[in-house]
């Protein structure tokens, strides 16, 4: 668990060391309104949060992990759709930690400040992108997130927002991948339960390969509606838990 790996040299626990010189990297372009943020202090994570807004009802933290955002069609539109919502913080992990130098105290501070936590990412090899697994290993420490005295996350809600190239039929007993997406995400569900969190079914966008722009736009609008409902407390939790994926029938679970 997190306590085993949290002492590794690259987990940042205090003021960061001066950055090592590195060769220039290609820019990862993202169309406005969401863009990789520029920071004057390179030790601080990249966080996009709305300003000058009323206090959030249920602040939402989206931990966004996409190692090749410049190539993304669907995730890029999903994150753009929610970046300006009140009470929503978009935290781009690959932008914040290009060398995986995760600032554990800063990440824990962000978790404390939000009621709803979202893992948004493409589904890579039936799992999360590498940096999100690293984040889990380091940030969810023993006696902080779980174990004796580890109650920092109790009562918070956790869900995944996942995109897959394969269609939904491929994620079934009879399909190519043999298991449903909800079954594939059982490790995340159990992580939530171990940490005393309220796990919700995932928001899943299937069949992204060759998806047309109008369909991408529909999914982006559905994601915006979902995040707004999570923030405003308009999600019927009992009905939501009965669904295999949160966006199977949004009209049934969101009180507009």
C-alpha atoms as a PDB file:
ATOM      1  CA  UNK A   1       0.000   0.000   0.000  1.00  0.00           C
ATOM      2  CA  UNK A   2       0.988   3.658   0.078  1.00  0.00           C
ATOM      3  CA  UNK A   3       3.155   3.339   3.178  1.00  0.00           C
ATOM      4  CA  UNK A   4       5.511   0.923   1.455  1.00  0.00           C
ATOM      5  CA  UNK A   5       6.448   3.277  -1.327  1.00  0.00           C
ATOM      6  CA  UNK A   6       6.005   6.699   0.195  1.00  0.00           C
ATOM      7  CA  UNK A   7       9.669   6.954   1.219  1.00  0.00           C
ATOM      8  CA  UNK A   8      10.912   6.668  -2.341  1.00  0.00           C
ATOM      9  CA  UNK A   9      13.157   9.512  -3.392  1.00  0.00           C
ATOM     10  CA  UNK A  10      10.830  10.967  -5.987  1.00  0.00           C
ATOM     11  CA  UNK A  11       7.883  11.410  -3.624  1.00  0.00           C
ATOM     12  CA  UNK A  12       8.170  15.058  -2.645  1.00  0.00           C
ATOM     13  CA  UNK A  13       7.666  15.772   1.081  1.00  0.00           C
ATOM     14  CA  UNK A  14       9.119  19.224   1.501  1.00  0.00           C
ATOM     15  CA  UNK A  15      10.502  22.066  -0.591  1.00  0.00           C
ATOM     16  CA  UNK A  16      11.446  20.746  -3.992  1.00  0.00           C
ATOM     17  CA  UNK A  17      15.049  20.435  -5.101  1.00  0.00           C
ATOM     18  CA  UNK A  18      16.204  22.653  -7.981  1.00  0.00           C
ATOM     19  CA  UNK A  19      15.012  21.187 -11.240  1.00  0.00           C
ATOM     20  CA  UNK A  20      17.554  19.198 -13.229  1.00  0.00           C
ATOM     21  CA  UNK A  21      18.240  20.458 -16.750  1.00  0.00           C
ATOM     22  CA  UNK A  22      16.319  18.476 -19.303  1.00  0.00           C
ATOM     23  CA  UNK A  23      16.038  18.558 -23.091  1.00  0.00           C
ATOM     24  CA  UNK A  24      13.121  20.556 -24.471  1.00  0.00           C
ATOM     25  CA  UNK A  25       9.926  18.587 -24.913  1.00  0.00           C
ATOM     26  CA  UNK A  26       7.268  19.032 -27.541  1.00  0.00           C
ATOM     27  CA  UNK A  27       4.386  21.178 -26.371  1.00  0.00           C
ATOM     28  CA  UNK A  28       1.139  19.346 -25.651  1.00  0.00           C
ATOM     29  CA  UNK A  29      -1.422  21.561 -27.236  1.00  0.00           C
ATOM     30  CA  UNK A  30      -4.955  21.755 -25.897  1.00  0.00           C
ATOM     31  CA  UNK A  31      -7.563  24.060 -27.402  1.00  0.00           C
ATOM     32  CA  UNK A  32      -9.114  26.705 -25.115  1.00  0.00           C
ATOM     33  CA  UNK A  33     -10.912  27.044 -22.750  1.00  0.00           C
ATOM     34  CA  UNK A  34      -8.946  24.206 -21.116  1.00  0.00           C
ATOM     35  CA  UNK A  35      -5.220  24.378 -21.529  1.00  0.00           C
ATOM     36  CA  UNK A  36      -2.162  23.148 -19.732  1.00  0.00           C
ATOM     37  CA  UNK A  37      -1.605  25.868 -17.155  1.00  0.00           C
ATOM     38  CA  UNK A  38       1.600  27.876 -17.000  1.00  0.00           C
ATOM     39  CA  UNK A  39       3.128  28.298 -13.559  1.00  0.00           C
ATOM     40  CA  UNK A  40       5.713  30.699 -12.174  1.00  0.00           C
ATOM     41  CA  UNK A  41       6.553  28.216  -9.394  1.00  0.00           C
ATOM     42  CA  UNK A  42       7.470  24.894 -10.973  1.00  0.00           C
ATOM     43  CA  UNK A  43       7.197  23.133  -7.617  1.00  0.00           C
ATOM     44  CA  UNK A  44       3.444  23.647  -7.524  1.00  0.00           C
ATOM     45  CA  UNK A  45       1.038  21.219  -9.224  1.00  0.00           C
ATOM     46  CA  UNK A  46      -0.958  22.270 -12.262  1.00  0.00           C
ATOM     47  CA  UNK A  47      -4.455  22.974 -11.008  1.00  0.00           C
ATOM     48  CA  UNK A  48      -7.217  24.686 -12.942  1.00  0.00           C
ATOM     49  CA  UNK A  49      -9.894  25.970 -10.576  1.00  0.00           C
ATOM     50  CA  UNK A  50     -12.595  28.590 -11.168  1.00  0.00           C
ATOM     51  CA  UNK A  51     -12.152  31.889  -9.314  1.00  0.00           C
ATOM     52  CA  UNK A  52     -14.546  34.513  -7.956  1.00  0.00           C
ATOM     53  CA  UNK A  53     -17.379  32.049  -7.486  1.00  0.00           C
ATOM     54  CA  UNK A  54     -19.727  31.274  -4.589  1.00  0.00           C
ATOM     55  CA  UNK A  55     -18.747  28.490  -2.173  1.00  0.00           C
ATOM     56  CA  UNK A  56     -19.233  25.032  -3.627  1.00  0.00           C
ATOM     57  CA  UNK A  57     -21.926  22.737  -2.289  1.00  0.00           C
ATOM     58  CA  UNK A  58     -19.838  19.616  -2.897  1.00  0.00           C
ATOM     59  CA  UNK A  59     -16.436  20.656  -4.331  1.00  0.00           C
ATOM     60  CA  UNK A  60     -15.307  18.308  -7.093  1.00  0.00           C
ATOM     61  CA  UNK A  61     -11.661  17.391  -7.736  1.00  0.00           C
ATOM     62  CA  UNK A  62     -10.946  15.821 -11.118  1.00  0.00           C
ATOM     63  CA  UNK A  63      -7.597  14.025 -11.151  1.00  0.00           C
ATOM     64  CA  UNK A  64      -6.946  13.995 -14.878  1.00  0.00           C
ATOM     65  CA  UNK A  65      -4.361  11.584 -16.292  1.00  0.00           C
ATOM     66  CA  UNK A  66      -3.619  11.435 -20.016  1.00  0.00           C
ATOM     67  CA  UNK A  67       0.014  11.020 -21.106  1.00  0.00           C
ATOM     68  CA  UNK A  68      -0.644  12.109 -24.701  1.00  0.00           C
ATOM     69  CA  UNK A  69      -3.287  14.797 -24.468  1.00  0.00           C
ATOM     70  CA  UNK A  70      -2.220  16.359 -27.756  1.00  0.00           C
ATOM     71  CA  UNK A  71      -3.451  13.169 -29.466  1.00  0.00           C
ATOM     72  CA  UNK A  72      -6.693  12.958 -27.534  1.00  0.00           C
ATOM     73  CA  UNK A  73     -10.036  13.634 -29.153  1.00  0.00           C
ATOM     74  CA  UNK A  74     -12.518  12.536 -26.504  1.00  0.00           C
ATOM     75  CA  UNK A  75     -10.812  13.152 -23.144  1.00  0.00           C
ATOM     76  CA  UNK A  76      -9.760  16.584 -24.295  1.00  0.00           C
ATOM     77  CA  UNK A  77     -13.371  17.532 -24.974  1.00  0.00           C
ATOM     78  CA  UNK A  78     -14.579  15.991 -21.711  1.00  0.00           C
ATOM     79  CA  UNK A  79     -12.154  18.024 -19.642  1.00  0.00           C
ATOM     80  CA  UNK A  80     -12.924  21.202 -21.580  1.00  0.00           C
ATOM     81  CA  UNK A  81     -16.627  20.673 -20.889  1.00  0.00           C
ATOM     82  CA  UNK A  82     -16.219  20.901 -17.105  1.00  0.00           C
ATOM     83  CA  UNK A  83     -13.223  23.239 -16.668  1.00  0.00           C
ATOM     84  CA  UNK A  84     -15.393  26.324 -16.102  1.00  0.00           C
ATOM     85  CA  UNK A  85     -17.997  24.778 -13.799  1.00  0.00           C
ATOM     86  CA  UNK A  86     -18.378  26.366 -10.349  1.00  0.00           C
ATOM     87  CA  UNK A  87     -16.762  24.366  -7.570  1.00  0.00           C
ATOM     88  CA  UNK A  88     -14.798  22.098  -9.904  1.00  0.00           C
ATOM     89  CA  UNK A  89     -10.999  21.756  -9.833  1.00  0.00           C
ATOM     90  CA  UNK A  90      -9.247  20.077 -12.766  1.00  0.00           C
ATOM     91  CA  UNK A  91      -5.850  18.752 -11.681  1.00  0.00           C
ATOM     92  CA  UNK A  92      -3.727  17.573 -14.604  1.00  0.00           C
ATOM     93  CA  UNK A  93      -1.271  15.052 -13.142  1.00  0.00           C
ATOM     94  CA  UNK A  94       1.002  14.715 -16.168  1.00  0.00           C
ATOM     95  CA  UNK A  95       1.325  18.475 -16.443  1.00  0.00           C
ATOM     96  CA  UNK A  96       1.917  18.879 -12.721  1.00  0.00           C
ATOM     97  CA  UNK A  97       4.464  16.076 -12.432  1.00  0.00           C
ATOM     98  CA  UNK A  98       6.237  15.414 -15.752  1.00  0.00           C
ATOM     99  CA  UNK A  99       8.964  13.545 -13.839  1.00  0.00           C
ATOM    100  CA  UNK A 100       6.496  11.823 -11.482  1.00  0.00           C
ATOM    101  CA  UNK A 101       7.854  13.912  -8.587  1.00  0.00           C
ATOM    102  CA  UNK A 102       4.546  13.774  -6.737  1.00  0.00           C
ATOM    103  CA  UNK A 103       4.095  16.259  -3.905  1.00  0.00           C
ATOM    104  CA  UNK A 104       2.311  14.088  -1.359  1.00  0.00           C
ATOM    105  CA  UNK A 105       1.348  16.796   1.186  1.00  0.00           C
ATOM    106  CA  UNK A 106      -0.015  19.016  -1.588  1.00  0.00           C
ATOM    107  CA  UNK A 107      -2.101  16.166  -3.022  1.00  0.00           C
ATOM    108  CA  UNK A 108      -3.469  15.294   0.402  1.00  0.00           C
ATOM    109  CA  UNK A 109      -4.377  18.946   0.912  1.00  0.00           C
ATOM    110  CA  UNK A 110      -6.347  18.901  -2.336  1.00  0.00           C
ATOM    111  CA  UNK A 111      -8.182  15.750  -1.286  1.00  0.00           C
ATOM    112  CA  UNK A 112      -9.141  17.274   2.055  1.00  0.00           C
ATOM    113  CA  UNK A 113     -10.554  20.351   0.309  1.00  0.00           C
ATOM    114  CA  UNK A 114     -12.973  18.431  -1.953  1.00  0.00           C
ATOM    115  CA  UNK A 115     -15.989  16.214  -1.318  1.00  0.00           C
ATOM    116  CA  UNK A 116     -16.087  14.402  -4.666  1.00  0.00           C
ATOM    117  CA  UNK A 117     -12.978  12.835  -6.225  1.00  0.00           C
ATOM    118  CA  UNK A 118     -12.898  11.787  -9.886  1.00  0.00           C
ATOM    119  CA  UNK A 119     -10.249   9.705 -11.639  1.00  0.00           C
ATOM    120  CA  UNK A 120     -10.533  10.738 -15.308  1.00  0.00           C
ATOM    121  CA  UNK A 121      -8.363   8.863 -17.795  1.00  0.00           C
ATOM    122  CA  UNK A 122      -8.262   6.633 -20.854  1.00  0.00           C
ATOM    123  CA  UNK A 123      -8.430   2.923 -20.031  1.00  0.00           C
ATOM    124  CA  UNK A 124      -4.883   1.657 -20.638  1.00  0.00           C
ATOM    125  CA  UNK A 125      -4.250  -2.091 -20.532  1.00  0.00           C
ATOM    126  CA  UNK A 126      -7.315  -2.645 -18.349  1.00  0.00           C
ATOM    127  CA  UNK A 127      -6.057  -0.165 -15.805  1.00  0.00           C
ATOM    128  CA  UNK A 128      -5.094   3.462 -15.221  1.00  0.00           C
ATOM    129  CA  UNK A 129      -2.233   5.407 -16.814  1.00  0.00           C
ATOM    130  CA  UNK A 130       1.030   4.979 -14.913  1.00  0.00           C
ATOM    131  CA  UNK A 131       1.005   8.317 -13.106  1.00  0.00           C
ATOM    132  CA  UNK A 132      -2.379   7.665 -11.505  1.00  0.00           C
ATOM    133  CA  UNK A 133      -1.155   4.332 -10.132  1.00  0.00           C
ATOM    134  CA  UNK A 134       1.910   6.144  -8.795  1.00  0.00           C
ATOM    135  CA  UNK A 135      -0.363   8.759  -7.246  1.00  0.00           C
ATOM    136  CA  UNK A 136      -2.415   6.063  -5.527  1.00  0.00           C
ATOM    137  CA  UNK A 137       0.675   4.311  -4.180  1.00  0.00           C
ATOM    138  CA  UNK A 138       2.175   7.470  -2.715  1.00  0.00           C
ATOM    139  CA  UNK A 139      -0.700   9.724  -1.681  1.00  0.00           C
ATOM    140  CA  UNK A 140      -3.056   7.246   0.000  1.00  0.00           C
ATOM    141  CA  UNK A 141      -0.789   6.650   2.960  1.00  0.00           C
ATOM    142  CA  UNK A 142      -1.327   4.245   5.826  1.00  0.00           C
ATOM    143  CA  UNK A 143      -2.777   5.999   8.884  1.00  0.00           C
ATOM    144  CA  UNK A 144      -3.854   8.882   6.671  1.00  0.00           C
ATOM    145  CA  UNK A 145      -6.158   7.289   4.088  1.00  0.00           C
ATOM    146  CA  UNK A 146      -6.636   3.865   5.704  1.00  0.00           C
ATOM    147  CA  UNK A 147      -5.607   1.820   8.728  1.00  0.00           C
ATOM    148  CA  UNK A 148      -5.666   2.963  12.331  1.00  0.00           C
ATOM    149  CA  UNK A 149      -6.399   6.676  12.416  1.00  0.00           C
ATOM    150  CA  UNK A 150      -6.549   6.852   8.613  1.00  0.00           C
ATOM    151  CA  UNK A 151      -9.879   8.643   8.264  1.00  0.00           C
ATOM    152  CA  UNK A 152      -8.995  11.664   6.101  1.00  0.00           C
ATOM    153  CA  UNK A 153     -11.148  10.462   3.189  1.00  0.00           C
ATOM    154  CA  UNK A 154     -14.104   9.044   5.102  1.00  0.00           C
ATOM    155  CA  UNK A 155     -17.444  10.026   3.576  1.00  0.00           C
ATOM    156  CA  UNK A 156     -16.009  11.479   0.363  1.00  0.00           C
ATOM    157  CA  UNK A 157     -17.311  10.179  -2.959  1.00  0.00           C
ATOM    158  CA  UNK A 158     -15.130   8.553  -5.601  1.00  0.00           C
ATOM    159  CA  UNK A 159     -15.855   7.647  -9.202  1.00  0.00           C
ATOM    160  CA  UNK A 160     -13.958   6.979 -12.406  1.00  0.00           C
ATOM    161  CA  UNK A 161     -14.544   8.714 -15.732  1.00  0.00           C
ATOM    162  CA  UNK A 162     -13.073   6.406 -18.342  1.00  0.00           C
ATOM    163  CA  UNK A 163     -12.803   6.269 -22.117  1.00  0.00           C
ATOM    164  CA  UNK A 164     -12.257   3.090 -24.109  1.00  0.00           C
ATOM    165  CA  UNK A 165     -11.635   2.411 -27.767  1.00  0.00           C
ATOM    166  CA  UNK A 166     -13.729  -0.756 -27.608  1.00  0.00           C
ATOM    167  CA  UNK A 167     -17.495  -0.686 -27.727  1.00  0.00           C
ATOM    168  CA  UNK A 168     -19.604  -1.646 -24.730  1.00  0.00           C
ATOM    169  CA  UNK A 169     -20.433  -5.068 -26.163  1.00  0.00           C
ATOM    170  CA  UNK A 170     -16.718  -5.926 -25.998  1.00  0.00           C
ATOM    171  CA  UNK A 171     -16.847  -5.464 -22.214  1.00  0.00           C
ATOM    172  CA  UNK A 172     -19.184  -8.348 -21.404  1.00  0.00           C
ATOM    173  CA  UNK A 173     -19.084 -12.061 -20.657  1.00  0.00           C
ATOM    174  CA  UNK A 174     -19.588 -12.834 -24.336  1.00  0.00           C
ATOM    175  CA  UNK A 175     -17.390 -10.007 -25.577  1.00  0.00           C
ATOM    176  CA  UNK A 176     -13.753  -9.776 -26.508  1.00  0.00           C
ATOM    177  CA  UNK A 177     -12.652  -8.517 -23.066  1.00  0.00           C
ATOM    178  CA  UNK A 178     -14.756 -11.042 -21.071  1.00  0.00           C
ATOM    179  CA  UNK A 179     -15.537  -8.665 -18.192  1.00  0.00           C
ATOM    180  CA  UNK A 180     -17.691  -5.580 -17.779  1.00  0.00           C
ATOM    181  CA  UNK A 181     -16.085  -2.200 -17.206  1.00  0.00           C
ATOM    182  CA  UNK A 182     -17.471  -2.166 -13.682  1.00  0.00           C
ATOM    183  CA  UNK A 183     -15.741  -5.490 -13.008  1.00  0.00           C
ATOM    184  CA  UNK A 184     -12.503  -4.170 -14.505  1.00  0.00           C
ATOM    185  CA  UNK A 185     -12.614  -1.264 -12.048  1.00  0.00           C
ATOM    186  CA  UNK A 186     -13.050  -3.415  -8.931  1.00  0.00           C
ATOM    187  CA  UNK A 187      -9.546  -2.449  -7.641  1.00  0.00           C
ATOM    188  CA  UNK A 188     -10.629   1.213  -7.625  1.00  0.00           C
ATOM    189  CA  UNK A 189     -13.916   0.320  -5.953  1.00  0.00           C
ATOM    190  CA  UNK A 190     -12.113  -1.644  -3.239  1.00  0.00           C
ATOM    191  CA  UNK A 191      -9.620   1.205  -2.770  1.00  0.00           C
ATOM    192  CA  UNK A 192     -12.560   3.522  -2.108  1.00  0.00           C
ATOM    193  CA  UNK A 193     -14.083   1.117   0.382  1.00  0.00           C
ATOM    194  CA  UNK A 194     -10.776   0.595   2.219  1.00  0.00           C
ATOM    195  CA  UNK A 195     -10.474   4.375   2.573  1.00  0.00           C
ATOM    196  CA  UNK A 196     -14.043   4.761   3.848  1.00  0.00           C
ATOM    197  CA  UNK A 197     -15.211   6.486   0.679  1.00  0.00           C
ATOM    198  CA  UNK A 198     -18.560   6.239  -1.095  1.00  0.00           C
ATOM    199  CA  UNK A 199     -17.820   4.618  -4.455  1.00  0.00           C
ATOM    200  CA  UNK A 200     -20.088   5.415  -7.403  1.00  0.00           C
ATOM    201  CA  UNK A 201     -20.396   3.566 -10.719  1.00  0.00           C
ATOM    202  CA  UNK A 202     -18.121   4.892 -13.469  1.00  0.00           C
ATOM    203  CA  UNK A 203     -18.934   7.353 -16.218  1.00  0.00           C
ATOM    204  CA  UNK A 204     -17.783   5.419 -19.296  1.00  0.00           C
ATOM    205  CA  UNK A 205     -17.436   6.513 -22.909  1.00  0.00           C
ATOM    206  CA  UNK A 206     -17.109   3.407 -25.074  1.00  0.00           C
ATOM    207  CA  UNK A 207     -16.152   3.158 -28.745  1.00  0.00           C
ATOM    208  CA  UNK A 208     -13.944   6.232 -29.034  1.00  0.00           C
ATOM    209  CA  UNK A 209     -12.104   4.911 -32.093  1.00  0.00           C
ATOM    210  CA  UNK A 210     -13.620   6.667 -35.073  1.00  0.00           C
ATOM    211  CA  UNK A 211     -16.204   8.514 -32.979  1.00  0.00           C
ATOM    212  CA  UNK A 212     -17.757  11.402 -34.874  1.00  0.00           C
ATOM    213  CA  UNK A 213     -17.515  14.995 -33.536  1.00  0.00           C
ATOM    214  CA  UNK A 214     -21.235  15.285 -32.829  1.00  0.00           C
ATOM    215  CA  UNK A 215     -21.158  12.119 -30.708  1.00  0.00           C
ATOM    216  CA  UNK A 216     -18.112  13.384 -28.816  1.00  0.00           C
ATOM    217  CA  UNK A 217     -20.001  16.614 -28.145  1.00  0.00           C
ATOM    218  CA  UNK A 218     -22.971  14.655 -26.754  1.00  0.00           C
ATOM    219  CA  UNK A 219     -20.717  12.755 -24.360  1.00  0.00           C
ATOM    220  CA  UNK A 220     -19.023  15.996 -23.290  1.00  0.00           C
ATOM    221  CA  UNK A 221     -22.413  17.571 -22.557  1.00  0.00           C
ATOM    222  CA  UNK A 222     -23.427  14.486 -20.562  1.00  0.00           C
ATOM    223  CA  UNK A 223     -20.206  14.671 -18.551  1.00  0.00           C
ATOM    224  CA  UNK A 224     -20.764  18.362 -17.808  1.00  0.00           C
ATOM    225  CA  UNK A 225     -24.296  17.582 -16.658  1.00  0.00           C
ATOM    226  CA  UNK A 226     -23.003  14.758 -14.433  1.00  0.00           C
ATOM    227  CA  UNK A 227     -20.273  16.812 -12.776  1.00  0.00           C
ATOM    228  CA  UNK A 228     -22.665  19.714 -12.178  1.00  0.00           C
ATOM    229  CA  UNK A 229     -25.138  17.321 -10.539  1.00  0.00           C
ATOM    230  CA  UNK A 230     -22.406  15.867  -8.315  1.00  0.00           C
ATOM    231  CA  UNK A 231     -21.451  19.361  -7.211  1.00  0.00           C
ATOM    232  CA  UNK A 232     -25.022  20.525  -6.626  1.00  0.00           C
ATOM    233  CA  UNK A 233     -26.169  17.368  -4.822  1.00  0.00           C
ATOM    234  CA  UNK A 234     -28.705  16.544  -7.525  1.00  0.00           C
ATOM    235  CA  UNK A 235     -27.568  12.961  -8.112  1.00  0.00           C
ATOM    236  CA  UNK A 236     -29.931  10.272  -6.834  1.00  0.00           C
ATOM    237  CA  UNK A 237     -27.314   8.081  -5.176  1.00  0.00           C
ATOM    238  CA  UNK A 238     -29.560   5.065  -4.653  1.00  0.00           C
ATOM    239  CA  UNK A 239     -30.556   4.923  -8.314  1.00  0.00           C
ATOM    240  CA  UNK A 240     -27.016   5.683  -9.443  1.00  0.00           C
ATOM    241  CA  UNK A 241     -25.582   2.742  -7.499  1.00  0.00           C
ATOM    242  CA  UNK A 242     -28.000   0.413  -9.270  1.00  0.00           C
ATOM    243  CA  UNK A 243     -26.524   1.235 -12.681  1.00  0.00           C
ATOM    244  CA  UNK A 244     -23.532  -0.500 -14.240  1.00  0.00           C
ATOM    245  CA  UNK A 245     -22.271   2.874 -15.453  1.00  0.00           C
ATOM    246  CA  UNK A 246     -23.393   6.280 -14.305  1.00  0.00           C
ATOM    247  CA  UNK A 247     -24.244   7.557 -17.782  1.00  0.00           C
ATOM    248  CA  UNK A 248     -26.344   4.553 -18.773  1.00  0.00           C
ATOM    249  CA  UNK A 249     -29.449   6.661 -18.067  1.00  0.00           C
ATOM    250  CA  UNK A 250     -28.717  10.138 -16.720  1.00  0.00           C
ATOM    251  CA  UNK A 251     -32.360  11.154 -16.748  1.00  0.00           C
ATOM    252  CA  UNK A 252     -33.043   8.422 -14.192  1.00  0.00           C
ATOM    253  CA  UNK A 253     -30.346   9.517 -11.729  1.00  0.00           C
ATOM    254  CA  UNK A 254     -30.121  13.322 -12.026  1.00  0.00           C
ATOM    255  CA  UNK A 255     -32.740  15.598 -10.503  1.00  0.00           C
ATOM    256  CA  UNK A 256     -32.831  18.623 -12.826  1.00  0.00           C
END
